[in-house]
Amino acid sequence: MNNDYSDIKQVELEEALILKNVVFLDVRSPKEYVEDHIPQAVNLPVLGDIERHLVGYTYKQVSKEKALEDAKKFFEKKLGDIENKIKEFEGKTIIFYCFRGGLRSAAITEHVSKIRKKVYQLRGGYKSYRESVRKELENISLPKNVFVLNGYTGTGKTALLKKLENSVDLEGLAQHRSSMFGGVGLKPRSQKMFESLLLVELKQKRPYLVLEGESRKIGNLMIPEKLFLSMQKGINILISMRITKRAERLLKEYFKKEDDIEEIKDIMPKLKSKISNAKYEECLSLINKKEYLGFCKELLGEYYDPLYEHSIKSLAVEKKINCSDLNKIVFEIESFLKTY
């Protein structure tokens, strides 16, 4: 790798995003890619996670020249695999990007442009994309009517969103159910990745929007301010059903595999300060005896329901539905939506 890449072709983000038959190749490390990336981009790392760490260490502790020399060696070892991978994108316009549109994407763009046409480096790299996402979310145009599904835990709001048109599943995008046990069986996404996926959803033209009621935070992630304000002003629908049915739904959601049970056991100490000692010991006993449905019922009655009771009672509700059949609930919601 050197510093002279003045001849490579660059493209601005705005132009790149509207090109047809294009593939974005993210040449950052796997760790950087997982945190966030341009939607549909393919990871083709010039440096692996450990290699990037070593090069960064050398840059700080030894010299820039030695770091570049090491990076070049790592890159050259990967060239064969990189060239084979690029063959998968025959006929497509290739746009490489790294973090700032620097040496990593410049080096691979220069190399590939010798053997392929329609090869570009994204000017400004991932950083330009991230800044674009932030600005778009601040200024996004949202539908006039935003409908918000509310209800105690276990009323099937996520399942309902999947059945309803013009819906966005915020918890699905976050990979977190927005509660103490909300990450069980899931791999929560980063704030940046959440926002990238959310922007894709919000840019779709919809006559109205259906969302689940949330606090500003979903796990450790924050809902963008403009969307959250629209949710607070939204048209509220309240779904109710018997606690037994809700416990059954919670059981299916939280106890899918053995790892989930172990994760729940690890979280249990956090529950101790939220309920009475007697109820905590009872919940713990139910888990140890593998009486998971009983545990779910106690968790709802002693923790989740009291937690959400005040916020639900304070809602200005336009439509109430008391039913355990999701298909019937969908019918009632769709009938209600047609009145707007």
C-alpha atoms as a PDB file:
ATOM      1  CA  MET A   1       0.000   0.000   0.000  1.00  0.00           C
ATOM      2  CA  ASN A   2       1.227   3.469  -0.838  1.00  0.00           C
ATOM      3  CA  ASN A   3      -0.236   6.951  -0.682  1.00  0.00           C
ATOM      4  CA  ASP A   4      -0.532   7.674  -4.407  1.00  0.00           C
ATOM      5  CA  TYR A   5      -3.970   6.665  -5.605  1.00  0.00           C
ATOM      6  CA  SER A   6      -4.750   9.843  -7.511  1.00  0.00           C
ATOM      7  CA  ASP A   7      -5.818   7.959 -10.644  1.00  0.00           C
ATOM      8  CA  ILE A   8      -8.572   5.838  -9.128  1.00  0.00           C
ATOM      9  CA  LYS A   9     -12.175   6.691  -9.938  1.00  0.00           C
ATOM     10  CA  GLN A  10     -14.319   7.937  -7.065  1.00  0.00           C
ATOM     11  CA  VAL A  11     -18.065   8.336  -6.723  1.00  0.00           C
ATOM     12  CA  GLU A  12     -20.129  10.448  -4.337  1.00  0.00           C
ATOM     13  CA  LEU A  13     -22.588   8.706  -2.013  1.00  0.00           C
ATOM     14  CA  GLU A  14     -25.686  10.348  -3.525  1.00  0.00           C
ATOM     15  CA  GLU A  15     -24.785   9.106  -6.998  1.00  0.00           C
ATOM     16  CA  ALA A  16     -23.706   5.665  -5.761  1.00  0.00           C
ATOM     17  CA  LEU A  17     -27.021   5.014  -3.995  1.00  0.00           C
ATOM     18  CA  ILE A  18     -29.075   5.536  -7.162  1.00  0.00           C
ATOM     19  CA  LEU A  19     -26.887   3.528  -9.537  1.00  0.00           C
ATOM     20  CA  LYS A  20     -28.462   0.391 -10.968  1.00  0.00           C
ATOM     21  CA  ASN A  21     -26.872  -3.061 -10.955  1.00  0.00           C
ATOM     22  CA  VAL A  22     -24.361  -1.993  -8.312  1.00  0.00           C
ATOM     23  CA  VAL A  23     -22.724  -3.864  -5.435  1.00  0.00           C
ATOM     24  CA  PHE A  24     -21.109  -2.171  -2.442  1.00  0.00           C
ATOM     25  CA  LEU A  25     -18.059  -4.038  -1.149  1.00  0.00           C
ATOM     26  CA  ASP A  26     -17.188  -3.091   2.425  1.00  0.00           C
ATOM     27  CA  VAL A  27     -13.446  -3.669   2.834  1.00  0.00           C
ATOM     28  CA  ARG A  28     -13.377  -2.860   6.552  1.00  0.00           C
ATOM     29  CA  SER A  29     -12.736  -5.542   9.144  1.00  0.00           C
ATOM     30  CA  PRO A  30     -15.543  -7.995  10.058  1.00  0.00           C
ATOM     31  CA  LYS A  31     -16.012  -6.276  13.433  1.00  0.00           C
ATOM     32  CA  GLU A  32     -16.524  -2.887  11.787  1.00  0.00           C
ATOM     33  CA  TYR A  33     -18.936  -4.415   9.276  1.00  0.00           C
ATOM     34  CA  VAL A  34     -21.071  -6.110  11.936  1.00  0.00           C
ATOM     35  CA  GLU A  35     -21.433  -2.859  13.873  1.00  0.00           C
ATOM     36  CA  ASP A  36     -22.957  -1.151  10.829  1.00  0.00           C
ATOM     37  CA  HIS A  37     -22.715  -1.104   7.038  1.00  0.00           C
ATOM     38  CA  ILE A  38     -24.513   0.151   3.961  1.00  0.00           C
ATOM     39  CA  PRO A  39     -27.595  -2.088   3.538  1.00  0.00           C
ATOM     40  CA  GLN A  40     -26.933  -5.028   1.179  1.00  0.00           C
ATOM     41  CA  ALA A  41     -23.181  -4.346   1.201  1.00  0.00           C
ATOM     42  CA  VAL A  42     -20.915  -7.405   1.141  1.00  0.00           C
ATOM     43  CA  ASN A  43     -17.968  -7.643   3.521  1.00  0.00           C
ATOM     44  CA  LEU A  44     -14.633  -8.171   1.749  1.00  0.00           C
ATOM     45  CA  PRO A  45     -12.055  -7.246   4.399  1.00  0.00           C
ATOM     46  CA  VAL A  46      -8.635  -6.025   3.362  1.00  0.00           C
ATOM     47  CA  LEU A  47      -7.533  -6.525   6.981  1.00  0.00           C
ATOM     48  CA  GLY A  48      -9.058  -8.973   9.451  1.00  0.00           C
ATOM     49  CA  ASP A  49      -9.921  -7.904  12.993  1.00  0.00           C
ATOM     50  CA  ILE A  50      -6.584  -9.035  14.458  1.00  0.00           C
ATOM     51  CA  GLU A  51      -4.608  -7.678  11.499  1.00  0.00           C
ATOM     52  CA  ARG A  52      -6.287  -4.289  11.833  1.00  0.00           C
ATOM     53  CA  HIS A  53      -5.452  -4.247  15.543  1.00  0.00           C
ATOM     54  CA  LEU A  54      -1.806  -5.116  14.846  1.00  0.00           C
ATOM     55  CA  VAL A  55      -1.460  -2.470  12.131  1.00  0.00           C
ATOM     56  CA  GLY A  56      -3.024   0.147  14.423  1.00  0.00           C
ATOM     57  CA  TYR A  57      -0.681  -0.803  17.245  1.00  0.00           C
ATOM     58  CA  THR A  58       2.348  -0.563  14.949  1.00  0.00           C
ATOM     59  CA  TYR A  59       1.161   2.816  13.662  1.00  0.00           C
ATOM     60  CA  LYS A  60       1.007   4.228  17.198  1.00  0.00           C
ATOM     61  CA  GLN A  61       4.000   2.484  18.766  1.00  0.00           C
ATOM     62  CA  VAL A  62       6.483   2.175  15.887  1.00  0.00           C
ATOM     63  CA  SER A  63       5.825   4.283  12.789  1.00  0.00           C
ATOM     64  CA  LYS A  64       3.377   5.011  10.005  1.00  0.00           C
ATOM     65  CA  GLU A  65       5.805   3.571   7.451  1.00  0.00           C
ATOM     66  CA  LYS A  66       6.102   0.232   9.277  1.00  0.00           C
ATOM     67  CA  ALA A  67       2.322   0.034   9.701  1.00  0.00           C
ATOM     68  CA  LEU A  68       1.771   0.589   5.967  1.00  0.00           C
ATOM     69  CA  GLU A  69       4.390  -2.033   5.166  1.00  0.00           C
ATOM     70  CA  ASP A  70       2.657  -4.594   7.388  1.00  0.00           C
ATOM     71  CA  ALA A  71      -0.766  -3.700   5.977  1.00  0.00           C
ATOM     72  CA  LYS A  72       0.552  -4.218   2.444  1.00  0.00           C
ATOM     73  CA  LYS A  73       1.788  -7.707   3.341  1.00  0.00           C
ATOM     74  CA  PHE A  74      -1.558  -8.665   4.862  1.00  0.00           C
ATOM     75  CA  PHE A  75      -3.370  -7.284   1.813  1.00  0.00           C
ATOM     76  CA  GLU A  76      -1.174  -9.096  -0.711  1.00  0.00           C
ATOM     77  CA  LYS A  77      -1.813 -12.436   1.002  1.00  0.00           C
ATOM     78  CA  LYS A  78      -5.542 -11.928   0.478  1.00  0.00           C
ATOM     79  CA  LEU A  79      -5.440 -10.899  -3.175  1.00  0.00           C
ATOM     80  CA  GLY A  80      -6.146 -14.370  -4.552  1.00  0.00           C
ATOM     81  CA  ASP A  81      -9.235 -14.821  -2.368  1.00  0.00           C
ATOM     82  CA  ILE A  82     -10.369 -11.275  -3.105  1.00  0.00           C
ATOM     83  CA  GLU A  83     -10.129 -11.783  -6.867  1.00  0.00           C
ATOM     84  CA  ASN A  84     -12.093 -15.042  -6.641  1.00  0.00           C
ATOM     85  CA  LYS A  85     -14.799 -13.364  -4.571  1.00  0.00           C
ATOM     86  CA  ILE A  86     -15.103 -10.482  -7.035  1.00  0.00           C
ATOM     87  CA  LYS A  87     -15.842 -12.953  -9.851  1.00  0.00           C
ATOM     88  CA  GLU A  88     -19.250 -13.432  -8.208  1.00  0.00           C
ATOM     89  CA  PHE A  89     -20.169  -9.874  -9.209  1.00  0.00           C
ATOM     90  CA  GLU A  90     -19.592 -10.174 -12.943  1.00  0.00           C
ATOM     91  CA  GLY A  91     -21.498  -7.516 -14.876  1.00  0.00           C
ATOM     92  CA  LYS A  92     -22.095  -5.328 -11.815  1.00  0.00           C
ATOM     93  CA  THR A  93     -20.675  -1.927 -11.008  1.00  0.00           C
ATOM     94  CA  ILE A  94     -18.419  -2.356  -7.972  1.00  0.00           C
ATOM     95  CA  ILE A  95     -18.058   0.352  -5.336  1.00  0.00           C
ATOM     96  CA  PHE A  96     -15.464  -0.230  -2.620  1.00  0.00           C
ATOM     97  CA  TYR A  97     -15.535   1.618   0.660  1.00  0.00           C
ATOM     98  CA  CYS A  98     -13.624   1.649   3.956  1.00  0.00           C
ATOM     99  CA  PHE A  99     -14.101   3.938   6.943  1.00  0.00           C
ATOM    100  CA  ARG A 100     -13.118   7.324   5.504  1.00  0.00           C
ATOM    101  CA  GLY A 101     -12.459   6.482   1.869  1.00  0.00           C
ATOM    102  CA  GLY A 102      -8.767   6.046   2.662  1.00  0.00           C
ATOM    103  CA  LEU A 103      -5.987   3.605   1.949  1.00  0.00           C
ATOM    104  CA  ARG A 104      -7.867   0.319   2.356  1.00  0.00           C
ATOM    105  CA  SER A 105     -10.524   1.026  -0.256  1.00  0.00           C
ATOM    106  CA  ALA A 106      -8.059   2.967  -2.439  1.00  0.00           C
ATOM    107  CA  ALA A 107      -5.607   0.058  -2.610  1.00  0.00           C
ATOM    108  CA  ILE A 108      -8.214  -2.525  -3.565  1.00  0.00           C
ATOM    109  CA  THR A 109      -9.928  -0.154  -6.024  1.00  0.00           C
ATOM    110  CA  GLU A 110      -6.622   0.429  -7.796  1.00  0.00           C
ATOM    111  CA  HIS A 111      -5.859  -3.285  -7.969  1.00  0.00           C
ATOM    112  CA  VAL A 112      -9.285  -4.387  -9.215  1.00  0.00           C
ATOM    113  CA  SER A 113      -9.616  -1.526 -11.712  1.00  0.00           C
ATOM    114  CA  LYS A 114      -6.689  -3.051 -13.635  1.00  0.00           C
ATOM    115  CA  ILE A 115      -8.742  -6.159 -14.389  1.00  0.00           C
ATOM    116  CA  ARG A 116     -12.326  -4.860 -14.272  1.00  0.00           C
ATOM    117  CA  LYS A 117     -14.255  -1.921 -15.641  1.00  0.00           C
ATOM    118  CA  LYS A 118     -16.866  -0.028 -13.623  1.00  0.00           C
ATOM    119  CA  VAL A 119     -14.893  -0.057 -10.373  1.00  0.00           C
ATOM    120  CA  TYR A 120     -15.081   2.918  -8.010  1.00  0.00           C
ATOM    121  CA  GLN A 121     -14.058   4.033  -4.548  1.00  0.00           C
ATOM    122  CA  LEU A 122     -16.784   5.657  -2.438  1.00  0.00           C
ATOM    123  CA  ARG A 123     -15.649   9.177  -1.633  1.00  0.00           C
ATOM    124  CA  GLY A 124     -15.690   9.688   2.132  1.00  0.00           C
ATOM    125  CA  GLY A 125     -16.302   5.978   2.745  1.00  0.00           C
ATOM    126  CA  TYR A 126     -18.598   4.656   5.464  1.00  0.00           C
ATOM    127  CA  LYS A 127     -18.274   7.954   7.355  1.00  0.00           C
ATOM    128  CA  SER A 128     -20.089   9.807   4.562  1.00  0.00           C
ATOM    129  CA  TYR A 129     -22.836   7.180   4.616  1.00  0.00           C
ATOM    130  CA  ARG A 130     -23.212   7.404   8.397  1.00  0.00           C
ATOM    131  CA  GLU A 131     -23.514  11.195   8.271  1.00  0.00           C
ATOM    132  CA  SER A 132     -26.170  10.844   5.566  1.00  0.00           C
ATOM    133  CA  VAL A 133     -28.205   8.420   7.725  1.00  0.00           C
ATOM    134  CA  ARG A 134     -28.058  10.768  10.696  1.00  0.00           C
ATOM    135  CA  LYS A 135     -29.253  13.773   8.673  1.00  0.00           C
ATOM    136  CA  GLU A 136     -32.005  11.840   6.908  1.00  0.00           C
ATOM    137  CA  LEU A 137     -33.436  10.539  10.182  1.00  0.00           C
ATOM    138  CA  GLU A 138     -33.477  14.074  11.559  1.00  0.00           C
ATOM    139  CA  ASN A 139     -35.439  15.333   8.554  1.00  0.00           C
ATOM    140  CA  ILE A 140     -37.416  12.253   7.503  1.00  0.00           C
ATOM    141  CA  SER A 141     -40.948  12.872   6.212  1.00  0.00           C
ATOM    142  CA  LEU A 142     -43.360  10.585   8.091  1.00  0.00           C
ATOM    143  CA  PRO A 143     -46.975   9.718   7.233  1.00  0.00           C
ATOM    144  CA  LYS A 144     -49.650  11.938   8.762  1.00  0.00           C
ATOM    145  CA  ASN A 145     -51.245   9.043  10.640  1.00  0.00           C
ATOM    146  CA  VAL A 146     -49.099   6.897  12.920  1.00  0.00           C
ATOM    147  CA  PHE A 147     -50.989   4.099  14.664  1.00  0.00           C
ATOM    148  CA  VAL A 148     -49.461   2.680  17.841  1.00  0.00           C
ATOM    149  CA  LEU A 149     -50.220  -0.807  19.172  1.00  0.00           C
ATOM    150  CA  ASN A 150     -50.232  -0.914  22.967  1.00  0.00           C
ATOM    151  CA  GLY A 151     -50.867  -3.708  25.432  1.00  0.00           C
ATOM    152  CA  TYR A 152     -49.356  -5.660  28.288  1.00  0.00           C
ATOM    153  CA  THR A 153     -46.476  -8.040  27.589  1.00  0.00           C
ATOM    154  CA  GLY A 154     -47.588 -11.172  25.764  1.00  0.00           C
ATOM    155  CA  THR A 155     -50.485  -9.686  23.791  1.00  0.00           C
ATOM    156  CA  GLY A 156     -48.739 -10.571  20.523  1.00  0.00           C
ATOM    157  CA  LYS A 157     -47.985  -7.063  19.280  1.00  0.00           C
ATOM    158  CA  THR A 158     -44.924  -8.187  17.304  1.00  0.00           C
ATOM    159  CA  ALA A 159     -46.884 -11.020  15.685  1.00  0.00           C
ATOM    160  CA  LEU A 160     -49.632  -8.539  14.800  1.00  0.00           C
ATOM    161  CA  LEU A 161     -47.160  -6.172  13.145  1.00  0.00           C
ATOM    162  CA  LYS A 162     -46.068  -8.998  10.866  1.00  0.00           C
ATOM    163  CA  LYS A 163     -49.686  -9.495   9.762  1.00  0.00           C
ATOM    164  CA  LEU A 164     -50.487  -5.811   9.235  1.00  0.00           C
ATOM    165  CA  GLU A 165     -49.629  -3.747   6.173  1.00  0.00           C
ATOM    166  CA  ASN A 166     -47.584  -0.545   6.527  1.00  0.00           C
ATOM    167  CA  SER A 167     -46.032  -1.720   9.787  1.00  0.00           C
ATOM    168  CA  VAL A 168     -42.463  -1.402  11.063  1.00  0.00           C
ATOM    169  CA  ASP A 169     -41.197  -3.739  13.769  1.00  0.00           C
ATOM    170  CA  LEU A 170     -38.817  -1.557  15.792  1.00  0.00           C
ATOM    171  CA  GLU A 171     -37.943  -4.366  18.202  1.00  0.00           C
ATOM    172  CA  GLY A 172     -37.189  -6.657  15.278  1.00  0.00           C
ATOM    173  CA  LEU A 173     -34.817  -4.066  13.822  1.00  0.00           C
ATOM    174  CA  ALA A 174     -33.182  -3.630  17.233  1.00  0.00           C
ATOM    175  CA  GLN A 175     -33.155  -7.382  17.914  1.00  0.00           C
ATOM    176  CA  HIS A 176     -34.369  -6.660  21.435  1.00  0.00           C
ATOM    177  CA  ARG A 177     -37.845  -6.884  23.007  1.00  0.00           C
ATOM    178  CA  SER A 178     -37.394  -3.737  25.079  1.00  0.00           C
ATOM    179  CA  SER A 179     -37.467  -5.248  28.577  1.00  0.00           C
ATOM    180  CA  MET A 180     -35.217  -6.804  31.217  1.00  0.00           C
ATOM    181  CA  PHE A 181     -35.463 -10.207  29.507  1.00  0.00           C
ATOM    182  CA  GLY A 182     -35.817  -8.638  26.072  1.00  0.00           C
ATOM    183  CA  GLY A 183     -32.502  -9.829  24.687  1.00  0.00           C
ATOM    184  CA  VAL A 184     -33.066 -13.520  25.460  1.00  0.00           C
ATOM    185  CA  GLY A 185     -32.262 -15.635  22.405  1.00  0.00           C
ATOM    186  CA  LEU A 186     -31.384 -12.558  20.347  1.00  0.00           C
ATOM    187  CA  LYS A 187     -28.246 -10.667  19.304  1.00  0.00           C
ATOM    188  CA  PRO A 188     -29.031  -6.973  19.880  1.00  0.00           C
ATOM    189  CA  ARG A 189     -27.825  -4.686  17.105  1.00  0.00           C
ATOM    190  CA  SER A 190     -25.724  -1.554  17.465  1.00  0.00           C
ATOM    191  CA  GLN A 191     -27.338   1.887  17.452  1.00  0.00           C
ATOM    192  CA  LYS A 192     -25.817   2.578  14.049  1.00  0.00           C
ATOM    193  CA  MET A 193     -27.079  -0.651  12.476  1.00  0.00           C
ATOM    194  CA  PHE A 194     -30.524  -0.065  13.982  1.00  0.00           C
ATOM    195  CA  GLU A 195     -30.657   3.391  12.427  1.00  0.00           C
ATOM    196  CA  SER A 196     -29.468   2.133   9.035  1.00  0.00           C
ATOM    197  CA  LEU A 197     -32.185  -0.517   8.896  1.00  0.00           C
ATOM    198  CA  LEU A 198     -34.805   1.866  10.282  1.00  0.00           C
ATOM    199  CA  LEU A 199     -34.052   4.477   7.612  1.00  0.00           C
ATOM    200  CA  VAL A 200     -34.612   1.887   4.865  1.00  0.00           C
ATOM    201  CA  GLU A 201     -38.043   1.164   6.349  1.00  0.00           C
ATOM    202  CA  LEU A 202     -39.042   4.789   6.881  1.00  0.00           C
ATOM    203  CA  LYS A 203     -38.061   5.800   3.339  1.00  0.00           C
ATOM    204  CA  GLN A 204     -40.657   3.433   1.911  1.00  0.00           C
ATOM    205  CA  LYS A 205     -43.758   5.294   0.786  1.00  0.00           C
ATOM    206  CA  ARG A 206     -46.644   4.329   3.069  1.00  0.00           C
ATOM    207  CA  PRO A 207     -50.097   5.928   3.418  1.00  0.00           C
ATOM    208  CA  TYR A 208     -49.832   5.432   7.193  1.00  0.00           C
ATOM    209  CA  LEU A 209     -47.525   3.757   9.695  1.00  0.00           C
ATOM    210  CA  VAL A 210     -48.237   1.063  12.307  1.00  0.00           C
ATOM    211  CA  LEU A 211     -45.779   0.649  15.182  1.00  0.00           C
ATOM    212  CA  GLU A 212     -45.631  -0.946  18.610  1.00  0.00           C
ATOM    213  CA  GLY A 213     -45.728   1.392  21.583  1.00  0.00           C
ATOM    214  CA  GLU A 214     -42.246   1.857  23.028  1.00  0.00           C
ATOM    215  CA  SER A 215     -40.389   4.021  25.477  1.00  0.00           C
ATOM    216  CA  ARG A 216     -37.607   6.107  23.924  1.00  0.00           C
ATOM    217  CA  LYS A 217     -35.172   3.217  24.531  1.00  0.00           C
ATOM    218  CA  ILE A 218     -35.312  -0.311  23.123  1.00  0.00           C
ATOM    219  CA  GLY A 219     -32.759  -2.156  25.219  1.00  0.00           C
ATOM    220  CA  ASN A 220     -29.717   0.110  24.949  1.00  0.00           C
ATOM    221  CA  LEU A 221     -30.826   1.696  21.672  1.00  0.00           C
ATOM    222  CA  MET A 222     -32.527   5.045  21.225  1.00  0.00           C
ATOM    223  CA  ILE A 223     -35.436   5.658  18.867  1.00  0.00           C
ATOM    224  CA  PRO A 224     -34.626   8.751  16.729  1.00  0.00           C
ATOM    225  CA  GLU A 225     -36.279  11.839  18.128  1.00  0.00           C
ATOM    226  CA  LYS A 226     -38.495  12.733  15.168  1.00  0.00           C
ATOM    227  CA  LEU A 227     -39.992   9.246  14.978  1.00  0.00           C
ATOM    228  CA  PHE A 228     -40.495   9.058  18.735  1.00  0.00           C
ATOM    229  CA  LEU A 229     -42.341  12.385  18.788  1.00  0.00           C
ATOM    230  CA  SER A 230     -44.660  11.070  16.058  1.00  0.00           C
ATOM    231  CA  MET A 231     -45.286   7.950  18.129  1.00  0.00           C
ATOM    232  CA  GLN A 232     -46.174  10.049  21.172  1.00  0.00           C
ATOM    233  CA  LYS A 233     -48.715  11.962  19.081  1.00  0.00           C
ATOM    234  CA  GLY A 234     -49.935   8.780  17.415  1.00  0.00           C
ATOM    235  CA  ILE A 235     -53.355   7.122  17.372  1.00  0.00           C
ATOM    236  CA  ASN A 236     -53.343   4.531  20.145  1.00  0.00           C
ATOM    237  CA  ILE A 237     -54.837   1.056  19.895  1.00  0.00           C
ATOM    238  CA  LEU A 238     -55.000  -0.973  23.121  1.00  0.00           C
ATOM    239  CA  ILE A 239     -54.989  -4.775  22.978  1.00  0.00           C
ATOM    240  CA  SER A 240     -56.013  -6.849  26.001  1.00  0.00           C
ATOM    241  CA  MET A 241     -56.193 -10.580  26.663  1.00  0.00           C
ATOM    242  CA  ARG A 242     -56.237 -12.963  29.598  1.00  0.00           C
ATOM    243  CA  ILE A 243     -52.986 -13.469  31.492  1.00  0.00           C
ATOM    244  CA  THR A 244     -53.023 -17.225  30.806  1.00  0.00           C
ATOM    245  CA  LYS A 245     -52.933 -16.639  27.040  1.00  0.00           C
ATOM    246  CA  ARG A 246     -50.210 -14.040  27.444  1.00  0.00           C
ATOM    247  CA  ALA A 247     -48.133 -16.443  29.546  1.00  0.00           C
ATOM    248  CA  GLU A 248     -48.464 -19.092  26.842  1.00  0.00           C
ATOM    249  CA  ARG A 249     -47.188 -16.636  24.258  1.00  0.00           C
ATOM    250  CA  LEU A 250     -44.311 -15.608  26.513  1.00  0.00           C
ATOM    251  CA  LEU A 251     -43.389 -19.273  26.975  1.00  0.00           C
ATOM    252  CA  LYS A 252     -43.106 -19.807  23.207  1.00  0.00           C
ATOM    253  CA  GLU A 253     -41.076 -16.628  22.802  1.00  0.00           C
ATOM    254  CA  TYR A 254     -38.592 -16.956  25.666  1.00  0.00           C
ATOM    255  CA  PHE A 255     -38.086 -20.702  26.094  1.00  0.00           C
ATOM    256  CA  LYS A 256     -37.187 -21.871  22.607  1.00  0.00           C
ATOM    257  CA  LYS A 257     -33.929 -23.641  23.460  1.00  0.00           C
ATOM    258  CA  GLU A 258     -31.718 -24.625  26.374  1.00  0.00           C
ATOM    259  CA  ASP A 259     -29.432 -21.611  25.899  1.00  0.00           C
ATOM    260  CA  ASP A 260     -32.425 -19.307  26.401  1.00  0.00           C
ATOM    261  CA  ILE A 261     -33.158 -20.909  29.780  1.00  0.00           C
ATOM    262  CA  GLU A 262     -29.571 -20.398  30.896  1.00  0.00           C
ATOM    263  CA  GLU A 263     -29.715 -16.780  29.758  1.00  0.00           C
ATOM    264  CA  ILE A 264     -32.893 -16.249  31.779  1.00  0.00           C
ATOM    265  CA  LYS A 265     -31.212 -17.744  34.847  1.00  0.00           C
ATOM    266  CA  ASP A 266     -28.294 -15.330  34.385  1.00  0.00           C
ATOM    267  CA  ILE A 267     -30.692 -12.356  34.262  1.00  0.00           C
ATOM    268  CA  MET A 268     -32.758 -13.451  37.275  1.00  0.00           C
ATOM    269  CA  PRO A 269     -30.611 -11.655  39.931  1.00  0.00           C
ATOM    270  CA  LYS A 270     -31.606  -8.330  38.301  1.00  0.00           C
ATOM    271  CA  LEU A 271     -35.239  -9.181  39.055  1.00  0.00           C
ATOM    272  CA  LYS A 272     -34.585  -9.512  42.788  1.00  0.00           C
ATOM    273  CA  SER A 273     -34.865  -5.787  43.488  1.00  0.00           C
ATOM    274  CA  LYS A 274     -38.032  -5.444  41.392  1.00  0.00           C
ATOM    275  CA  ILE A 275     -40.362  -7.879  43.217  1.00  0.00           C
ATOM    276  CA  SER A 276     -40.777  -9.203  46.764  1.00  0.00           C
ATOM    277  CA  ASN A 277     -38.273 -11.725  48.101  1.00  0.00           C
ATOM    278  CA  ALA A 278     -41.012 -14.341  48.419  1.00  0.00           C
ATOM    279  CA  LYS A 279     -42.101 -13.932  44.794  1.00  0.00           C
ATOM    280  CA  TYR A 280     -38.504 -13.903  43.601  1.00  0.00           C
ATOM    281  CA  GLU A 281     -37.822 -17.210  45.335  1.00  0.00           C
ATOM    282  CA  GLU A 282     -41.045 -18.610  43.884  1.00  0.00           C
ATOM    283  CA  CYS A 283     -40.019 -17.593  40.355  1.00  0.00           C
ATOM    284  CA  LEU A 284     -36.581 -19.098  40.862  1.00  0.00           C
ATOM    285  CA  SER A 285     -38.122 -22.327  42.134  1.00  0.00           C
ATOM    286  CA  LEU A 286     -40.448 -22.566  39.120  1.00  0.00           C
ATOM    287  CA  ILE A 287     -37.505 -22.270  36.730  1.00  0.00           C
ATOM    288  CA  ASN A 288     -35.468 -24.867  38.600  1.00  0.00           C
ATOM    289  CA  LYS A 289     -38.463 -27.250  38.534  1.00  0.00           C
ATOM    290  CA  LYS A 290     -38.849 -26.543  34.793  1.00  0.00           C
ATOM    291  CA  GLU A 291     -42.359 -25.212  35.367  1.00  0.00           C
ATOM    292  CA  TYR A 292     -41.803 -22.549  32.748  1.00  0.00           C
ATOM    293  CA  LEU A 293     -45.442 -21.660  32.078  1.00  0.00           C
ATOM    294  CA  GLY A 294     -45.970 -20.989  35.787  1.00  0.00           C
ATOM    295  CA  PHE A 295     -42.845 -18.830  35.781  1.00  0.00           C
ATOM    296  CA  CYS A 296     -44.121 -16.818  32.807  1.00  0.00           C
ATOM    297  CA  LYS A 297     -47.439 -16.219  34.547  1.00  0.00           C
ATOM    298  CA  GLU A 298     -45.723 -15.030  37.732  1.00  0.00           C
ATOM    299  CA  LEU A 299     -43.330 -12.843  35.730  1.00  0.00           C
ATOM    300  CA  LEU A 300     -46.263 -11.151  34.020  1.00  0.00           C
ATOM    301  CA  GLY A 301     -48.337 -10.674  37.162  1.00  0.00           C
ATOM    302  CA  GLU A 302     -45.552  -9.599  39.507  1.00  0.00           C
ATOM    303  CA  TYR A 303     -43.180  -7.679  37.235  1.00  0.00           C
ATOM    304  CA  TYR A 304     -44.291  -6.815  33.707  1.00  0.00           C
ATOM    305  CA  ASP A 305     -47.918  -5.851  34.352  1.00  0.00           C
ATOM    306  CA  PRO A 306     -47.195  -3.497  37.291  1.00  0.00           C
ATOM    307  CA  LEU A 307     -44.297  -2.019  35.286  1.00  0.00           C
ATOM    308  CA  TYR A 308     -46.513  -1.040  32.343  1.00  0.00           C
ATOM    309  CA  GLU A 309     -49.762  -0.356  34.218  1.00  0.00           C
ATOM    310  CA  HIS A 310     -49.266   3.376  34.746  1.00  0.00           C
ATOM    311  CA  SER A 311     -48.154   4.130  31.179  1.00  0.00           C
ATOM    312  CA  ILE A 312     -51.025   2.155  29.662  1.00  0.00           C
ATOM    313  CA  LYS A 313     -53.639   3.790  31.914  1.00  0.00           C
ATOM    314  CA  SER A 314     -52.365   7.239  30.947  1.00  0.00           C
ATOM    315  CA  LEU A 315     -52.814   6.610  27.194  1.00  0.00           C
ATOM    316  CA  ALA A 316     -55.423   8.415  25.142  1.00  0.00           C
ATOM    317  CA  VAL A 317     -56.826   5.259  23.521  1.00  0.00           C
ATOM    318  CA  GLU A 318     -58.873   5.479  20.316  1.00  0.00           C
ATOM    319  CA  LYS A 319     -59.568   1.752  19.902  1.00  0.00           C
ATOM    320  CA  LYS A 320     -59.755  -1.051  22.497  1.00  0.00           C
ATOM    321  CA  ILE A 321     -59.664  -4.718  21.529  1.00  0.00           C
ATOM    322  CA  ASN A 322     -60.084  -7.525  24.062  1.00  0.00           C
ATOM    323  CA  CYS A 323     -59.411 -10.805  22.272  1.00  0.00           C
ATOM    324  CA  SER A 324     -56.984 -13.745  22.234  1.00  0.00           C
ATOM    325  CA  ASP A 325     -57.344 -14.644  18.536  1.00  0.00           C
ATOM    326  CA  LEU A 326     -54.692 -12.752  16.542  1.00  0.00           C
ATOM    327  CA  ASN A 327     -56.564 -13.102  13.251  1.00  0.00           C
ATOM    328  CA  LYS A 328     -59.662 -11.529  14.788  1.00  0.00           C
ATOM    329  CA  ILE A 329     -57.525  -8.749  16.267  1.00  0.00           C
ATOM    330  CA  VAL A 330     -56.002  -8.096  12.821  1.00  0.00           C
ATOM    331  CA  PHE A 331     -59.503  -7.839  11.331  1.00  0.00           C
ATOM    332  CA  GLU A 332     -60.593  -5.341  13.995  1.00  0.00           C
ATOM    333  CA  ILE A 333     -57.445  -3.249  13.563  1.00  0.00           C
ATOM    334  CA  GLU A 334     -57.753  -3.191   9.767  1.00  0.00           C
ATOM    335  CA  SER A 335     -61.413  -2.170  10.060  1.00  0.00           C
ATOM    336  CA  PHE A 336     -60.412   0.633  12.441  1.00  0.00           C
ATOM    337  CA  LEU A 337     -57.629   1.852  10.130  1.00  0.00           C
ATOM    338  CA  LYS A 338     -60.126   2.223   7.271  1.00  0.00           C
ATOM    339  CA  THR A 339     -62.001   4.848   9.293  1.00  0.00           C
ATOM    340  CA  TYR A 340     -59.067   7.264   8.860  1.00  0.00           C
END
